[in-house]
C-alpha atoms as a PDB file:
ATOM      1  CA  MET A   1      92.241  90.350  79.509  1.00  0.00           C
ATOM      2  CA  THR A   2      91.539  93.172  81.990  1.00  0.00           C
ATOM      3  CA  ILE A   3      90.932  96.643  80.672  1.00  0.00           C
ATOM      4  CA  ALA A   4      89.591  99.860  82.044  1.00  0.00           C
ATOM      5  CA  ALA A   5      86.031 100.098  80.752  1.00  0.00           C
ATOM      6  CA  PRO A   6      85.598 102.917  78.247  1.00  0.00           C
ATOM      7  CA  ILE A   7      82.446 104.124  79.929  1.00  0.00           C
ATOM      8  CA  THR A   8      81.692 107.857  79.874  1.00  0.00           C
ATOM      9  CA  VAL A   9      78.776 110.205  80.605  1.00  0.00           C
ATOM     10  CA  ASP A  10      77.066 110.944  77.339  1.00  0.00           C
ATOM     11  CA  ASP A  11      74.275 113.042  75.923  1.00  0.00           C
ATOM     12  CA  PRO A  12      71.175 110.924  75.159  1.00  0.00           C
ATOM     13  CA  ARG A  13      70.253 113.369  72.408  1.00  0.00           C
ATOM     14  CA  ARG A  14      73.472 112.627  70.464  1.00  0.00           C
ATOM     15  CA  ALA A  15      72.473 111.070  67.160  1.00  0.00           C
ATOM     16  CA  ASP A  16      73.912 107.592  67.653  1.00  0.00           C
ATOM     17  CA  VAL A  17      72.692 107.354  71.217  1.00  0.00           C
ATOM     18  CA  ARG A  18      69.256 108.544  70.144  1.00  0.00           C
ATOM     19  CA  GLU A  19      69.301 105.756  67.517  1.00  0.00           C
ATOM     20  CA  LEU A  20      70.133 103.101  70.152  1.00  0.00           C
ATOM     21  CA  LEU A  21      67.402 104.411  72.440  1.00  0.00           C
ATOM     22  CA  ALA A  22      64.900 104.397  69.572  1.00  0.00           C
ATOM     23  CA  GLU A  23      65.764 100.792  68.875  1.00  0.00           C
ATOM     24  CA  HIS A  24      65.277 100.066  72.626  1.00  0.00           C
ATOM     25  CA  LEU A  25      61.857 101.747  72.627  1.00  0.00           C
ATOM     26  CA  SER A  26      60.843  99.938  69.501  1.00  0.00           C
ATOM     27  CA  ASP A  27      61.700  96.587  71.068  1.00  0.00           C
ATOM     28  CA  MET A  28      59.816  97.495  74.279  1.00  0.00           C
ATOM     29  CA  TYR A  29      56.612  98.282  72.317  1.00  0.00           C
ATOM     30  CA  ALA A  30      57.013  95.142  70.203  1.00  0.00           C
ATOM     31  CA  THR A  31      57.294  92.817  73.316  1.00  0.00           C
ATOM     32  CA  SER A  32      55.133  94.538  75.956  1.00  0.00           C
ATOM     33  CA  PRO A  33      51.660  96.051  76.149  1.00  0.00           C
ATOM     34  CA  ALA A  34      51.946  99.882  75.481  1.00  0.00           C
ATOM     35  CA  GLU A  35      50.723 100.702  79.015  1.00  0.00           C
ATOM     36  CA  SER A  36      53.519  98.549  80.454  1.00  0.00           C
ATOM     37  CA  VAL A  37      56.370 100.254  78.587  1.00  0.00           C
ATOM     38  CA  HIS A  38      58.403 102.381  81.003  1.00  0.00           C
ATOM     39  CA  ALA A  39      61.463 103.001  78.807  1.00  0.00           C
ATOM     40  CA  LEU A  40      62.370 106.629  78.363  1.00  0.00           C
ATOM     41  CA  ASP A  41      63.140 108.511  75.175  1.00  0.00           C
ATOM     42  CA  ALA A  42      66.244 110.661  74.683  1.00  0.00           C
ATOM     43  CA  ASP A  43      64.679 113.872  75.951  1.00  0.00           C
ATOM     44  CA  ALA A  44      63.406 112.257  79.157  1.00  0.00           C
ATOM     45  CA  LEU A  45      66.877 110.754  79.754  1.00  0.00           C
ATOM     46  CA  ALA A  46      68.394 114.237  79.411  1.00  0.00           C
ATOM     47  CA  GLY A  47      66.416 115.424  82.510  1.00  0.00           C
ATOM     48  CA  PRO A  48      67.990 116.873  85.627  1.00  0.00           C
ATOM     49  CA  ALA A  49      67.688 113.748  87.760  1.00  0.00           C
ATOM     50  CA  MET A  50      69.244 111.540  85.081  1.00  0.00           C
ATOM     51  CA  THR A  51      72.780 110.504  84.099  1.00  0.00           C
ATOM     52  CA  LEU A  52      73.411 108.404  81.033  1.00  0.00           C
ATOM     53  CA  TRP A  53      76.623 106.577  80.300  1.00  0.00           C
ATOM     54  CA  THR A  54      77.696 104.921  77.082  1.00  0.00           C
ATOM     55  CA  TRP A  55      80.435 102.402  76.171  1.00  0.00           C
ATOM     56  CA  ARG A  56      81.975 103.110  72.743  1.00  0.00           C
ATOM     57  CA  SER A  57      84.194 101.018  70.542  1.00  0.00           C
ATOM     58  CA  PRO A  58      87.764 102.199  69.864  1.00  0.00           C
ATOM     59  CA  GLU A  59      86.377 103.593  66.592  1.00  0.00           C
ATOM     60  CA  GLY A  60      83.786 105.615  68.521  1.00  0.00           C
ATOM     61  CA  ARG A  61      80.648 103.531  67.839  1.00  0.00           C
ATOM     62  CA  VAL A  62      78.203 103.301  70.712  1.00  0.00           C
ATOM     63  CA  LEU A  63      77.959  99.756  71.939  1.00  0.00           C
ATOM     64  CA  GLY A  64      75.653 100.160  74.937  1.00  0.00           C
ATOM     65  CA  CYS A  65      74.144 102.583  77.396  1.00  0.00           C
ATOM     66  CA  ALA A  66      72.729 102.683  80.916  1.00  0.00           C
ATOM     67  CA  ALA A  67      71.144 105.484  82.934  1.00  0.00           C
ATOM     68  CA  LEU A  68      70.698 106.248  86.550  1.00  0.00           C
ATOM     69  CA  LYS A  69      67.752 108.302  87.834  1.00  0.00           C
ATOM     70  CA  GLU A  70      67.824 109.767  91.366  1.00  0.00           C
ATOM     71  CA  LEU A  71      64.551 108.974  93.100  1.00  0.00           C
ATOM     72  CA  ASP A  72      65.774 110.519  96.379  1.00  0.00           C
ATOM     73  CA  ALA A  73      69.033 111.040  98.178  1.00  0.00           C
ATOM     74  CA  ARG A  74      69.226 107.310  99.128  1.00  0.00           C
ATOM     75  CA  HIS A  75      67.505 105.568  96.273  1.00  0.00           C
ATOM     76  CA  GLY A  76      68.318 105.406  92.531  1.00  0.00           C
ATOM     77  CA  GLU A  77      66.646 103.728  89.561  1.00  0.00           C
ATOM     78  CA  LEU A  78      68.446 101.932  86.761  1.00  0.00           C
ATOM     79  CA  LYS A  79      66.990 102.957  83.397  1.00  0.00           C
ATOM     80  CA  SER A  80      67.618 102.225  79.768  1.00  0.00           C
ATOM     81  CA  MET A  81      70.140  99.434  79.915  1.00  0.00           C
ATOM     82  CA  ARG A  82      70.794  98.515  76.317  1.00  0.00           C
ATOM     83  CA  THR A  83      73.576  97.022  74.198  1.00  0.00           C
ATOM     84  CA  THR A  84      73.761  96.849  70.470  1.00  0.00           C
ATOM     85  CA  ALA A  85      73.048  93.426  68.945  1.00  0.00           C
ATOM     86  CA  ALA A  86      76.670  93.251  67.768  1.00  0.00           C
ATOM     87  CA  ALA A  87      78.057  93.891  71.269  1.00  0.00           C
ATOM     88  CA  ARG A  88      75.947  91.278  73.106  1.00  0.00           C
ATOM     89  CA  GLY A  89      77.897  88.570  74.693  1.00  0.00           C
ATOM     90  CA  HIS A  90      81.047  90.662  74.991  1.00  0.00           C
ATOM     91  CA  GLY A  91      80.572  91.924  78.593  1.00  0.00           C
ATOM     92  CA  VAL A  92      79.289  95.347  77.710  1.00  0.00           C
ATOM     93  CA  GLY A  93      76.039  95.037  79.703  1.00  0.00           C
ATOM     94  CA  THR A  94      77.904  93.632  82.652  1.00  0.00           C
ATOM     95  CA  ALA A  95      80.404  96.422  82.631  1.00  0.00           C
ATOM     96  CA  LEU A  96      77.725  99.094  82.289  1.00  0.00           C
ATOM     97  CA  LEU A  97      75.746  97.619  85.174  1.00  0.00           C
ATOM     98  CA  ARG A  98      78.866  97.474  87.420  1.00  0.00           C
ATOM     99  CA  HIS A  99      79.660 101.008  86.480  1.00  0.00           C
ATOM    100  CA  VAL A 100      76.162 102.298  87.331  1.00  0.00           C
ATOM    101  CA  LEU A 101      76.254 100.393  90.669  1.00  0.00           C
ATOM    102  CA  ASP A 102      79.658 101.993  91.469  1.00  0.00           C
ATOM    103  CA  MET A 103      78.307 105.431  90.632  1.00  0.00           C
ATOM    104  CA  ALA A 104      75.185 104.808  92.804  1.00  0.00           C
ATOM    105  CA  ARG A 105      77.403 103.798  95.736  1.00  0.00           C
ATOM    106  CA  GLY A 106      79.572 106.830  95.219  1.00  0.00           C
ATOM    107  CA  ARG A 107      76.495 109.050  95.339  1.00  0.00           C
ATOM    108  CA  GLY A 108      75.616 107.543  98.669  1.00  0.00           C
ATOM    109  CA  TYR A 109      72.564 105.591  97.544  1.00  0.00           C
ATOM    110  CA  HIS A 110      71.522 102.785  99.801  1.00  0.00           C
ATOM    111  CA  ARG A 111      69.306 101.079  97.230  1.00  0.00           C
ATOM    112  CA  ILE A 112      68.985 100.837  93.431  1.00  0.00           C
ATOM    113  CA  SER A 113      65.819  99.533  91.864  1.00  0.00           C
ATOM    114  CA  LEU A 114      64.630  98.751  88.352  1.00  0.00           C
ATOM    115  CA  GLU A 115      61.609  97.695  86.365  1.00  0.00           C
ATOM    116  CA  THR A 116      61.936  95.226  83.508  1.00  0.00           C
ATOM    117  CA  GLY A 117      59.607  93.062  81.517  1.00  0.00           C
ATOM    118  CA  SER A 118      58.203  89.708  82.527  1.00  0.00           C
ATOM    119  CA  GLU A 119      58.188  88.347  78.945  1.00  0.00           C
ATOM    120  CA  ASP A 120      60.756  85.796  77.799  1.00  0.00           C
ATOM    121  CA  PHE A 121      62.468  88.576  75.742  1.00  0.00           C
ATOM    122  CA  PHE A 122      63.661  90.041  79.057  1.00  0.00           C
ATOM    123  CA  ALA A 123      65.021  86.806  80.567  1.00  0.00           C
ATOM    124  CA  PRO A 124      68.623  87.611  79.774  1.00  0.00           C
ATOM    125  CA  ALA A 125      68.281  91.043  81.469  1.00  0.00           C
ATOM    126  CA  ARG A 126      66.599  89.539  84.540  1.00  0.00           C
ATOM    127  CA  SER A 127      69.404  86.941  84.723  1.00  0.00           C
ATOM    128  CA  LEU A 128      72.043  89.647  84.577  1.00  0.00           C
ATOM    129  CA  TYR A 129      70.411  91.630  87.337  1.00  0.00           C
ATOM    130  CA  ARG A 130      69.838  88.663  89.584  1.00  0.00           C
ATOM    131  CA  GLY A 131      73.451  87.603  89.030  1.00  0.00           C
ATOM    132  CA  HIS A 132      74.518  90.893  90.500  1.00  0.00           C
ATOM    133  CA  GLY A 133      72.385  90.439  93.593  1.00  0.00           C
ATOM    134  CA  PHE A 134      69.084  92.099  92.662  1.00  0.00           C
ATOM    135  CA  VAL A 135      66.059  90.491  94.262  1.00  0.00           C
ATOM    136  CA  ALA A 136      62.299  90.825  93.635  1.00  0.00           C
ATOM    137  CA  THR A 137      60.548  93.813  95.267  1.00  0.00           C
ATOM    138  CA  THR A 138      57.220  95.542  95.157  1.00  0.00           C
ATOM    139  CA  PRO A 139      56.556  98.451  92.818  1.00  0.00           C
ATOM    140  CA  PHE A 140      58.502 101.553  93.806  1.00  0.00           C
ATOM    141  CA  ALA A 141      58.353 105.224  92.897  1.00  0.00           C
ATOM    142  CA  ASP A 142      55.310 105.801  90.665  1.00  0.00           C
ATOM    143  CA  TYR A 143      55.048 102.160  89.400  1.00  0.00           C
ATOM    144  CA  VAL A 144      52.010  99.999  90.048  1.00  0.00           C
ATOM    145  CA  GLU A 145      51.532  96.174  90.008  1.00  0.00           C
ATOM    146  CA  ASP A 146      51.566  94.967  86.456  1.00  0.00           C
ATOM    147  CA  PRO A 147      51.747  91.383  85.211  1.00  0.00           C
ATOM    148  CA  ALA A 148      54.040  92.604  82.367  1.00  0.00           C
ATOM    149  CA  SER A 149      56.553  94.036  84.829  1.00  0.00           C
ATOM    150  CA  VAL A 150      59.156  92.640  87.155  1.00  0.00           C
ATOM    151  CA  PHE A 151      60.459  94.888  89.889  1.00  0.00           C
ATOM    152  CA  LEU A 152      63.961  94.233  91.346  1.00  0.00           C
ATOM    153  CA  THR A 153      66.071  96.006  93.926  1.00  0.00           C
ATOM    154  CA  LEU A 154      69.561  95.825  95.352  1.00  0.00           C
ATOM    155  CA  GLU A 155      70.659  97.082  98.727  1.00  0.00           C
ATOM    156  CA  LEU A 156      73.999  98.970  98.364  1.00  0.00           C
ATOM    157  CA  THR A 157      76.807  99.742 100.732  1.00  0.00           C
ATOM    158  CA  PRO A 158      77.689 103.341  99.863  1.00  0.00           C
ATOM    159  CA  THR A 159      81.312 104.313  99.378  1.00  0.00           C
ATOM    160  CA  VAL A 160      82.919 107.604 100.229  1.00  0.00           C
ATOM    161  CA  THR A 161      85.086 107.728  97.099  1.00  0.00           C
ATOM    162  CA  MET A 162      84.378 106.600  93.612  1.00  0.00           C
ATOM    163  CA  THR A 163      87.120 104.629  91.778  1.00  0.00           C
ATOM    164  CA  GLN A 164      87.204 103.401  88.232  1.00  0.00           C
ATOM    165  CA  GLN A 165      87.927  99.701  88.551  1.00  0.00           C
ATOM    166  CA  ALA A 166      89.427  97.575  85.796  1.00  0.00           C
ATOM    167  CA  LEU A 167      86.720  95.258  84.605  1.00  0.00           C
ATOM    168  CA  PRO A 168      87.381  91.789  83.302  1.00  0.00           C
ATOM    169  CA  THR A 169      85.940  91.493  79.860  1.00  0.00           C
ATOM    170  CA  ARG A 170      86.670  89.860  76.572  1.00  0.00           C
ATOM    171  CA  ALA A 171      88.423  92.048  74.001  1.00  0.00           C
ATOM    172  CA  ILE A 172      86.008  93.511  71.578  1.00  0.00           C
ATOM    173  CA  SER A 173      87.604  93.696  68.157  1.00  0.00           C
ATOM    174  CA  GLN A 174      86.068  95.419  65.197  1.00  0.00           C
ATOM    175  CA  ALA A 175      86.039  92.039  63.356  1.00  0.00           C
ATOM    176  CA  SER A 176      84.021  90.352  66.130  1.00  0.00           C
ATOM    177  CA  LEU A 177      81.505  93.195  66.091  1.00  0.00           C
ATOM    178  CA  ASP A 178      81.176  93.067  62.333  1.00  0.00           C
ATOM    179  CA  SER A 179      80.708  89.324  62.336  1.00  0.00           C
ATOM    180  CA  ARG A 180      77.672  89.631  64.626  1.00  0.00           C
ATOM    181  CA  ARG A 181      75.703  91.911  62.350  1.00  0.00           C
END
């Protein structure tokens, strides 16, 4: 099935988004040394250089989020990629990543980079990023070498116009989400 992804700009301070971000931060602190946690809270994601998108179910429940931080006019950083446990395996993360990459291209960025963890917990995320062409890089922006961090980057071909593309994904029914709880 091909559907237009229901991805929209959202407020990270919205209650259900804040809850998803709190879960994200909790997992980061549970799996990484505190000094290696670079995930942002809702207030930081509401900053002027940030845009946060969410994917919501037809009933309005947040299923995932991703943010883009402008580092400079040609370079963006992917932040706070997260899907709910119930939505994992349904293409939400892939759709969010593709959306952020499209938005970065539309902004004229030439590169998008990210930091993720080196622990096994982060293996699915690293696989997703590498599957979309991200490659290892050195620390960027204010990051420093850290054995608990993996730095990835993707060279982009900017586009002049942004278009919403239909994304192939599996249908996400309420029953399939409820069964994964």
